[in-house]
């Protein structure tokens, strides 16, 4: 039985060191990309505890999908996070950079909402991964 098809056991509840390591590297890469984007868009979160929340979120948004891919070969979480990042970056660029007359932001930009609402993005990624995992299990049970 392959690892993807094995029933859950207590040892499978914890990710492998490889998955954790690659996840942390991916999380760090995501954090660097997001920091570069916030600098490019001239977004400011200030130097306060909220910055820690945003940094933990940016790290998590990169680490979780990568670890799920390494551990279970799930691609849906990575796609969900990538789509959210691209959509929020494009939304921020199209509203606050591309126009000739740049509006003054009244609230968070789309990229700001992505960073503030990272918990929701993680939730969507986990749901997408759960659906993918369920579909794979059903296909294996049917013998496909």
N, C-alpha and C. Protein backbone atom coordinates (compact mmCIF):
# COMPACT_ATOMS: atom_id res chain seq x y z
N UNK A 1 0.86 -1.17 0.00
CA UNK A 1 0.00 0.00 0.00
C UNK A 1 0.90 1.23 0.00
N UNK A 2 0.63 2.18 -0.89
CA UNK A 2 1.45 3.38 -0.97
C UNK A 2 1.11 4.32 0.20
N UNK A 3 2.04 5.26 0.52
CA UNK A 3 1.79 6.18 1.63
C UNK A 3 0.53 7.01 1.46
N UNK A 4 0.19 7.35 0.20
CA UNK A 4 -1.01 8.16 -0.02
C UNK A 4 -2.29 7.40 0.29
N UNK A 5 -2.23 6.05 0.18
CA UNK A 5 -3.42 5.24 0.37
C UNK A 5 -3.48 4.60 1.74
N UNK A 6 -2.44 4.77 2.53
CA UNK A 6 -2.40 4.14 3.85
C UNK A 6 -3.42 4.79 4.77
N UNK A 7 -4.03 3.98 5.64
CA UNK A 7 -4.96 4.57 6.60
C UNK A 7 -4.21 5.47 7.58
N UNK A 8 -4.92 6.42 8.15
CA UNK A 8 -4.30 7.32 9.10
C UNK A 8 -3.88 6.56 10.35
N UNK A 9 -2.70 6.84 10.80
CA UNK A 9 -2.21 6.28 12.05
C UNK A 9 -1.63 7.41 12.87
N UNK A 10 -1.24 7.12 14.09
CA UNK A 10 -0.71 8.18 14.94
C UNK A 10 0.57 8.76 14.35
N UNK A 11 1.37 7.94 13.65
CA UNK A 11 2.61 8.46 13.07
C UNK A 11 2.33 9.36 11.87
N UNK A 12 1.21 9.16 11.18
CA UNK A 12 0.91 9.99 10.01
C UNK A 12 0.25 11.31 10.41
N UNK A 13 -0.05 11.48 11.68
CA UNK A 13 -0.63 12.76 12.11
C UNK A 13 0.42 13.86 12.17
N UNK A 14 1.69 13.48 12.19
CA UNK A 14 2.76 14.46 12.25
C UNK A 14 3.51 14.45 10.92
N UNK A 15 3.77 15.63 10.36
CA UNK A 15 4.46 15.66 9.07
C UNK A 15 5.91 15.21 9.22
N UNK A 16 6.48 14.76 8.13
CA UNK A 16 7.88 14.34 8.14
C UNK A 16 8.78 15.56 8.28
N UNK A 17 10.01 15.32 8.66
CA UNK A 17 10.96 16.43 8.78
C UNK A 17 11.20 17.05 7.42
N UNK A 18 11.17 16.25 6.38
CA UNK A 18 11.34 16.78 5.01
C UNK A 18 10.21 17.74 4.66
N UNK A 19 8.98 17.35 4.97
CA UNK A 19 7.83 18.21 4.68
C UNK A 19 7.90 19.51 5.47
N UNK A 20 8.31 19.42 6.73
CA UNK A 20 8.42 20.62 7.56
C UNK A 20 9.52 21.53 7.03
N UNK A 21 10.67 20.94 6.67
CA UNK A 21 11.78 21.75 6.16
C UNK A 21 11.45 22.45 4.86
N UNK A 22 10.89 21.70 3.93
CA UNK A 22 10.52 22.30 2.64
C UNK A 22 9.40 23.30 2.83
N UNK A 23 8.47 23.00 3.72
CA UNK A 23 7.39 23.94 4.01
C UNK A 23 7.92 25.25 4.57
N UNK A 24 8.87 25.16 5.49
CA UNK A 24 9.44 26.39 6.05
C UNK A 24 10.21 27.19 5.01
N UNK A 25 10.92 26.52 4.11
CA UNK A 25 11.60 27.23 3.03
C UNK A 25 10.60 27.92 2.11
N UNK A 26 9.53 27.22 1.78
CA UNK A 26 8.49 27.82 0.93
C UNK A 26 7.81 28.97 1.66
N UNK A 27 7.60 28.81 2.96
CA UNK A 27 7.01 29.90 3.74
C UNK A 27 7.90 31.12 3.77
N UNK A 28 9.19 30.91 3.91
CA UNK A 28 10.14 32.02 3.90
C UNK A 28 10.15 32.70 2.53
N UNK A 29 10.11 31.91 1.47
CA UNK A 29 10.05 32.49 0.11
C UNK A 29 8.78 33.31 -0.07
N UNK A 30 7.65 32.80 0.41
CA UNK A 30 6.38 33.54 0.31
C UNK A 30 6.46 34.83 1.11
N UNK A 31 7.04 34.76 2.29
CA UNK A 31 7.20 35.95 3.14
C UNK A 31 8.04 37.00 2.43
N UNK A 32 9.11 36.58 1.77
CA UNK A 32 9.98 37.53 1.04
C UNK A 32 9.23 38.15 -0.13
N UNK A 33 8.48 37.34 -0.87
CA UNK A 33 7.71 37.86 -2.01
C UNK A 33 6.67 38.87 -1.53
N UNK A 34 5.95 38.53 -0.47
CA UNK A 34 4.92 39.42 0.06
C UNK A 34 5.55 40.71 0.60
N UNK A 35 6.69 40.59 1.27
CA UNK A 35 7.37 41.79 1.77
C UNK A 35 7.79 42.69 0.61
N UNK A 36 8.29 42.09 -0.47
CA UNK A 36 8.67 42.88 -1.64
C UNK A 36 7.46 43.55 -2.27
N UNK A 37 6.34 42.83 -2.34
CA UNK A 37 5.12 43.42 -2.90
C UNK A 37 4.60 44.57 -2.03
N UNK A 38 4.61 44.39 -0.72
CA UNK A 38 4.13 45.48 0.15
C UNK A 38 5.05 46.69 0.04
N UNK A 39 6.33 46.46 -0.15
CA UNK A 39 7.26 47.58 -0.34
C UNK A 39 7.01 48.26 -1.68
N UNK A 40 6.79 47.45 -2.73
CA UNK A 40 6.55 48.01 -4.05
C UNK A 40 5.25 48.81 -4.09
N UNK A 41 4.21 48.31 -3.42
CA UNK A 41 2.93 49.01 -3.37
C UNK A 41 2.91 50.10 -2.31
N UNK A 42 3.97 50.22 -1.56
CA UNK A 42 4.10 51.22 -0.50
C UNK A 42 3.02 51.04 0.57
N UNK A 43 2.77 49.78 0.93
CA UNK A 43 1.83 49.48 2.01
C UNK A 43 2.59 49.51 3.32
N UNK A 44 1.94 49.95 4.36
CA UNK A 44 2.61 50.02 5.65
C UNK A 44 1.74 49.34 6.71
N UNK A 45 2.36 48.42 7.44
CA UNK A 45 1.68 47.78 8.55
C UNK A 45 2.20 48.31 9.88
N UNK A 46 3.19 49.20 9.80
CA UNK A 46 3.75 49.76 11.02
C UNK A 46 4.62 48.76 11.75
N UNK A 47 5.26 49.21 12.75
CA UNK A 47 6.10 48.33 13.58
C UNK A 47 5.38 48.13 14.90
N UNK A 48 4.46 47.19 14.89
CA UNK A 48 3.67 46.89 16.07
C UNK A 48 3.35 45.40 16.09
N UNK A 49 2.67 44.91 17.08
CA UNK A 49 2.36 43.47 17.13
C UNK A 49 1.58 42.98 15.91
N UNK A 50 0.84 43.86 15.25
CA UNK A 50 0.08 43.45 14.07
C UNK A 50 1.01 42.98 12.96
N UNK A 51 2.20 43.56 12.88
CA UNK A 51 3.19 43.14 11.89
C UNK A 51 3.58 41.68 12.11
N UNK A 52 3.65 41.25 13.34
CA UNK A 52 3.96 39.85 13.65
C UNK A 52 2.85 38.95 13.13
N UNK A 53 1.59 39.35 13.31
CA UNK A 53 0.44 38.60 12.81
C UNK A 53 0.53 38.44 11.30
N UNK A 54 0.83 39.53 10.60
CA UNK A 54 0.93 39.49 9.14
C UNK A 54 2.11 38.62 8.71
N UNK A 55 3.23 38.71 9.40
CA UNK A 55 4.40 37.91 9.05
C UNK A 55 4.15 36.42 9.28
N UNK A 56 3.50 36.08 10.38
CA UNK A 56 3.16 34.68 10.65
C UNK A 56 2.20 34.17 9.58
N UNK A 57 1.27 35.00 9.18
CA UNK A 57 0.33 34.62 8.13
C UNK A 57 1.02 34.40 6.80
N UNK A 58 1.92 35.31 6.42
CA UNK A 58 2.63 35.17 5.16
C UNK A 58 3.50 33.91 5.16
N UNK A 59 4.13 33.63 6.29
CA UNK A 59 4.93 32.42 6.42
C UNK A 59 4.03 31.18 6.31
N UNK A 60 2.90 31.19 6.97
CA UNK A 60 1.97 30.06 6.95
C UNK A 60 1.39 29.82 5.57
N UNK A 61 1.08 30.91 4.86
CA UNK A 61 0.50 30.77 3.52
C UNK A 61 1.46 30.12 2.53
N UNK A 62 2.74 30.23 2.78
CA UNK A 62 3.71 29.53 1.94
C UNK A 62 4.02 28.14 2.44
N UNK A 63 4.10 27.99 3.76
CA UNK A 63 4.55 26.73 4.35
C UNK A 63 3.50 25.63 4.26
N UNK A 64 2.27 25.93 4.58
CA UNK A 64 1.24 24.90 4.65
C UNK A 64 1.01 24.19 3.31
N UNK A 65 0.79 24.91 2.21
CA UNK A 65 0.58 24.20 0.94
C UNK A 65 1.80 23.38 0.51
N UNK A 66 3.00 23.90 0.75
CA UNK A 66 4.20 23.16 0.37
C UNK A 66 4.34 21.88 1.19
N UNK A 67 4.08 21.97 2.48
CA UNK A 67 4.17 20.79 3.34
C UNK A 67 3.11 19.75 2.94
N UNK A 68 1.92 20.20 2.61
CA UNK A 68 0.87 19.27 2.16
C UNK A 68 1.23 18.61 0.83
N UNK A 69 1.90 19.36 -0.02
CA UNK A 69 2.34 18.76 -1.28
C UNK A 69 3.41 17.71 -1.04
N UNK A 70 4.39 18.03 -0.23
CA UNK A 70 5.47 17.07 0.03
C UNK A 70 4.94 15.83 0.75
N UNK A 71 4.08 16.03 1.73
CA UNK A 71 3.62 14.93 2.56
C UNK A 71 2.55 14.08 1.87
N UNK A 72 1.62 14.72 1.14
CA UNK A 72 0.47 13.99 0.58
C UNK A 72 0.27 14.20 -0.92
N UNK A 73 1.16 14.93 -1.56
CA UNK A 73 1.06 15.23 -2.99
C UNK A 73 -0.22 15.98 -3.35
N UNK A 74 -0.69 16.81 -2.44
CA UNK A 74 -1.89 17.62 -2.69
C UNK A 74 -1.49 18.91 -3.39
N UNK A 75 -2.11 19.20 -4.52
CA UNK A 75 -1.80 20.42 -5.26
C UNK A 75 -2.86 21.50 -5.08
N UNK A 76 -4.06 21.13 -4.69
CA UNK A 76 -5.15 22.10 -4.56
C UNK A 76 -4.84 23.21 -3.55
N UNK A 77 -4.22 22.94 -2.40
CA UNK A 77 -3.90 24.04 -1.48
C UNK A 77 -2.94 25.05 -2.09
N UNK A 78 -1.95 24.58 -2.84
CA UNK A 78 -1.01 25.50 -3.48
C UNK A 78 -1.71 26.35 -4.53
N UNK A 79 -2.60 25.74 -5.28
CA UNK A 79 -3.34 26.48 -6.30
C UNK A 79 -4.23 27.53 -5.65
N UNK A 80 -4.91 27.18 -4.56
CA UNK A 80 -5.79 28.12 -3.88
C UNK A 80 -5.01 29.33 -3.37
N UNK A 81 -3.87 29.09 -2.73
CA UNK A 81 -3.06 30.20 -2.20
C UNK A 81 -2.49 31.03 -3.35
N UNK A 82 -2.00 30.37 -4.40
CA UNK A 82 -1.44 31.10 -5.53
C UNK A 82 -2.49 31.97 -6.20
N UNK A 83 -3.69 31.45 -6.39
CA UNK A 83 -4.77 32.24 -7.00
C UNK A 83 -5.13 33.45 -6.13
N UNK A 84 -5.19 33.24 -4.82
CA UNK A 84 -5.51 34.35 -3.92
C UNK A 84 -4.42 35.42 -3.96
N UNK A 85 -3.16 35.01 -3.98
CA UNK A 85 -2.06 35.97 -4.03
C UNK A 85 -2.06 36.73 -5.35
N UNK A 86 -2.21 36.01 -6.46
CA UNK A 86 -2.21 36.66 -7.77
C UNK A 86 -3.40 37.61 -7.90
N UNK A 87 -4.58 37.17 -7.48
CA UNK A 87 -5.78 38.02 -7.58
C UNK A 87 -5.64 39.27 -6.72
N UNK A 88 -5.13 39.12 -5.51
CA UNK A 88 -5.00 40.29 -4.63
C UNK A 88 -3.90 41.23 -5.12
N UNK A 89 -2.84 40.67 -5.66
CA UNK A 89 -1.77 41.52 -6.21
C UNK A 89 -2.26 42.26 -7.44
N UNK A 90 -2.95 41.56 -8.33
CA UNK A 90 -3.50 42.22 -9.52
C UNK A 90 -4.53 43.28 -9.13
N UNK A 91 -5.38 42.95 -8.17
CA UNK A 91 -6.38 43.92 -7.72
C UNK A 91 -5.74 45.18 -7.16
N UNK A 92 -4.70 45.02 -6.39
CA UNK A 92 -4.00 46.18 -5.83
C UNK A 92 -3.31 46.97 -6.94
N UNK A 93 -2.67 46.27 -7.84
CA UNK A 93 -1.98 46.96 -8.94
C UNK A 93 -2.97 47.71 -9.83
N UNK A 94 -4.09 47.06 -10.20
CA UNK A 94 -5.03 47.68 -11.13
C UNK A 94 -5.74 48.88 -10.54
N UNK A 95 -5.89 48.92 -9.22
CA UNK A 95 -6.60 50.05 -8.60
C UNK A 95 -5.63 51.14 -8.14
N UNK A 96 -4.47 50.75 -7.62
CA UNK A 96 -3.60 51.73 -6.97
C UNK A 96 -2.30 52.02 -7.71
N UNK A 97 -2.02 51.34 -8.82
CA UNK A 97 -0.78 51.61 -9.55
C UNK A 97 -1.06 51.95 -11.01
N UNK A 98 -1.89 51.16 -11.69
CA UNK A 98 -2.11 51.31 -13.12
C UNK A 98 -2.83 52.59 -13.54
N UNK A 99 -3.84 53.06 -12.81
CA UNK A 99 -4.57 54.25 -13.27
C UNK A 99 -3.69 55.50 -13.27
N UNK A 100 -4.04 56.44 -14.16
CA UNK A 100 -3.30 57.71 -14.19
C UNK A 100 -3.53 58.50 -12.91
N UNK A 101 -4.76 58.49 -12.43
CA UNK A 101 -5.08 59.15 -11.17
C UNK A 101 -5.20 58.06 -10.11
N UNK A 102 -4.25 58.03 -9.23
CA UNK A 102 -4.22 56.98 -8.22
C UNK A 102 -5.05 57.42 -7.01
N UNK A 103 -6.07 56.63 -6.65
CA UNK A 103 -6.89 57.02 -5.50
C UNK A 103 -6.13 56.80 -4.19
N UNK A 104 -6.52 57.56 -3.21
CA UNK A 104 -5.96 57.37 -1.88
C UNK A 104 -6.69 56.20 -1.23
N UNK A 105 -5.95 55.20 -0.75
CA UNK A 105 -6.62 54.06 -0.12
C UNK A 105 -7.40 54.49 1.11
N UNK A 106 -8.65 54.07 1.17
CA UNK A 106 -9.49 54.37 2.32
C UNK A 106 -9.34 53.27 3.37
N UNK A 107 -9.20 52.08 2.91
CA UNK A 107 -9.04 50.93 3.79
C UNK A 107 -7.94 50.06 3.24
N UNK A 108 -7.88 48.83 3.69
CA UNK A 108 -6.86 47.94 3.15
C UNK A 108 -7.05 47.70 1.65
N UNK A 109 -5.96 47.55 0.96
CA UNK A 109 -5.98 47.20 -0.46
C UNK A 109 -6.29 45.70 -0.57
N UNK A 110 -6.56 45.21 -1.78
CA UNK A 110 -6.78 43.77 -1.90
C UNK A 110 -5.61 42.94 -1.36
N UNK A 111 -4.38 43.37 -1.59
CA UNK A 111 -3.24 42.65 -1.02
C UNK A 111 -3.25 42.76 0.50
N UNK A 112 -3.66 43.90 1.01
CA UNK A 112 -3.79 44.06 2.46
C UNK A 112 -4.82 43.11 3.04
N UNK A 113 -5.94 42.94 2.33
CA UNK A 113 -6.97 42.00 2.81
C UNK A 113 -6.46 40.58 2.77
N UNK A 114 -5.67 40.25 1.74
CA UNK A 114 -5.06 38.92 1.65
C UNK A 114 -4.19 38.67 2.88
N UNK A 115 -3.41 39.66 3.27
CA UNK A 115 -2.51 39.51 4.41
C UNK A 115 -3.25 39.56 5.74
N UNK A 116 -4.26 40.39 5.84
CA UNK A 116 -5.04 40.47 7.07
C UNK A 116 -5.92 39.23 7.24
N UNK A 117 -6.49 38.77 6.14
CA UNK A 117 -7.40 37.63 6.18
C UNK A 117 -6.73 36.32 5.83
N UNK A 118 -5.47 36.18 6.16
CA UNK A 118 -4.73 34.96 5.81
C UNK A 118 -5.36 33.71 6.40
N UNK A 119 -6.02 33.84 7.53
CA UNK A 119 -6.66 32.67 8.15
C UNK A 119 -7.75 32.12 7.22
N UNK A 120 -8.50 33.00 6.57
CA UNK A 120 -9.54 32.56 5.64
C UNK A 120 -8.91 31.89 4.42
N UNK A 121 -7.80 32.42 3.93
CA UNK A 121 -7.12 31.81 2.78
C UNK A 121 -6.60 30.43 3.16
N UNK A 122 -6.04 30.29 4.35
CA UNK A 122 -5.60 28.98 4.83
C UNK A 122 -6.79 28.02 4.91
N UNK A 123 -7.93 28.51 5.40
CA UNK A 123 -9.13 27.68 5.48
C UNK A 123 -9.58 27.19 4.11
N UNK A 124 -9.59 28.08 3.13
CA UNK A 124 -9.97 27.70 1.77
C UNK A 124 -8.97 26.68 1.21
N UNK A 125 -7.68 26.89 1.47
CA UNK A 125 -6.66 25.96 1.00
C UNK A 125 -6.84 24.58 1.63
N UNK A 126 -7.15 24.55 2.93
CA UNK A 126 -7.37 23.27 3.60
C UNK A 126 -8.61 22.56 3.09
N UNK A 127 -9.66 23.32 2.84
CA UNK A 127 -10.88 22.72 2.28
C UNK A 127 -10.59 22.16 0.88
N UNK A 128 -9.88 22.93 0.07
CA UNK A 128 -9.52 22.45 -1.28
C UNK A 128 -8.68 21.18 -1.19
N UNK A 129 -7.73 21.16 -0.25
CA UNK A 129 -6.92 19.97 -0.06
C UNK A 129 -7.74 18.79 0.42
N UNK A 130 -8.69 19.04 1.30
CA UNK A 130 -9.57 17.96 1.78
C UNK A 130 -10.42 17.38 0.67
N UNK A 131 -10.91 18.25 -0.20
CA UNK A 131 -11.70 17.78 -1.34
C UNK A 131 -10.83 16.94 -2.27
N UNK A 132 -9.63 17.45 -2.57
CA UNK A 132 -8.72 16.68 -3.43
C UNK A 132 -8.39 15.33 -2.81
N UNK A 133 -8.10 15.32 -1.52
CA UNK A 133 -7.77 14.08 -0.82
C UNK A 133 -8.95 13.11 -0.86
N UNK A 134 -10.16 13.62 -0.63
CA UNK A 134 -11.35 12.78 -0.68
C UNK A 134 -11.59 12.20 -2.06
N UNK A 135 -11.40 12.98 -3.09
CA UNK A 135 -11.58 12.50 -4.46
C UNK A 135 -10.57 11.41 -4.77
N UNK A 136 -9.32 11.61 -4.35
CA UNK A 136 -8.30 10.59 -4.58
C UNK A 136 -8.64 9.29 -3.84
N UNK A 137 -9.08 9.41 -2.61
CA UNK A 137 -9.43 8.21 -1.83
C UNK A 137 -10.60 7.47 -2.48
N UNK A 138 -11.59 8.22 -2.98
CA UNK A 138 -12.73 7.60 -3.63
C UNK A 138 -12.31 6.90 -4.93
N UNK A 139 -11.38 7.51 -5.67
CA UNK A 139 -10.90 6.90 -6.90
C UNK A 139 -10.12 5.61 -6.61
N UNK A 140 -9.33 5.64 -5.54
CA UNK A 140 -8.58 4.43 -5.16
C UNK A 140 -9.54 3.34 -4.72
N UNK A 141 -10.58 3.70 -3.98
CA UNK A 141 -11.56 2.71 -3.51
C UNK A 141 -12.30 2.07 -4.67
N UNK A 142 -12.52 2.83 -5.74
CA UNK A 142 -13.21 2.29 -6.93
C UNK A 142 -12.25 1.56 -7.84
N UNK A 143 -10.96 1.65 -7.58
CA UNK A 143 -9.97 0.94 -8.37
C UNK A 143 -9.48 1.69 -9.59
N UNK A 144 -9.64 2.98 -9.63
CA UNK A 144 -9.18 3.77 -10.79
C UNK A 144 -7.75 4.15 -10.67
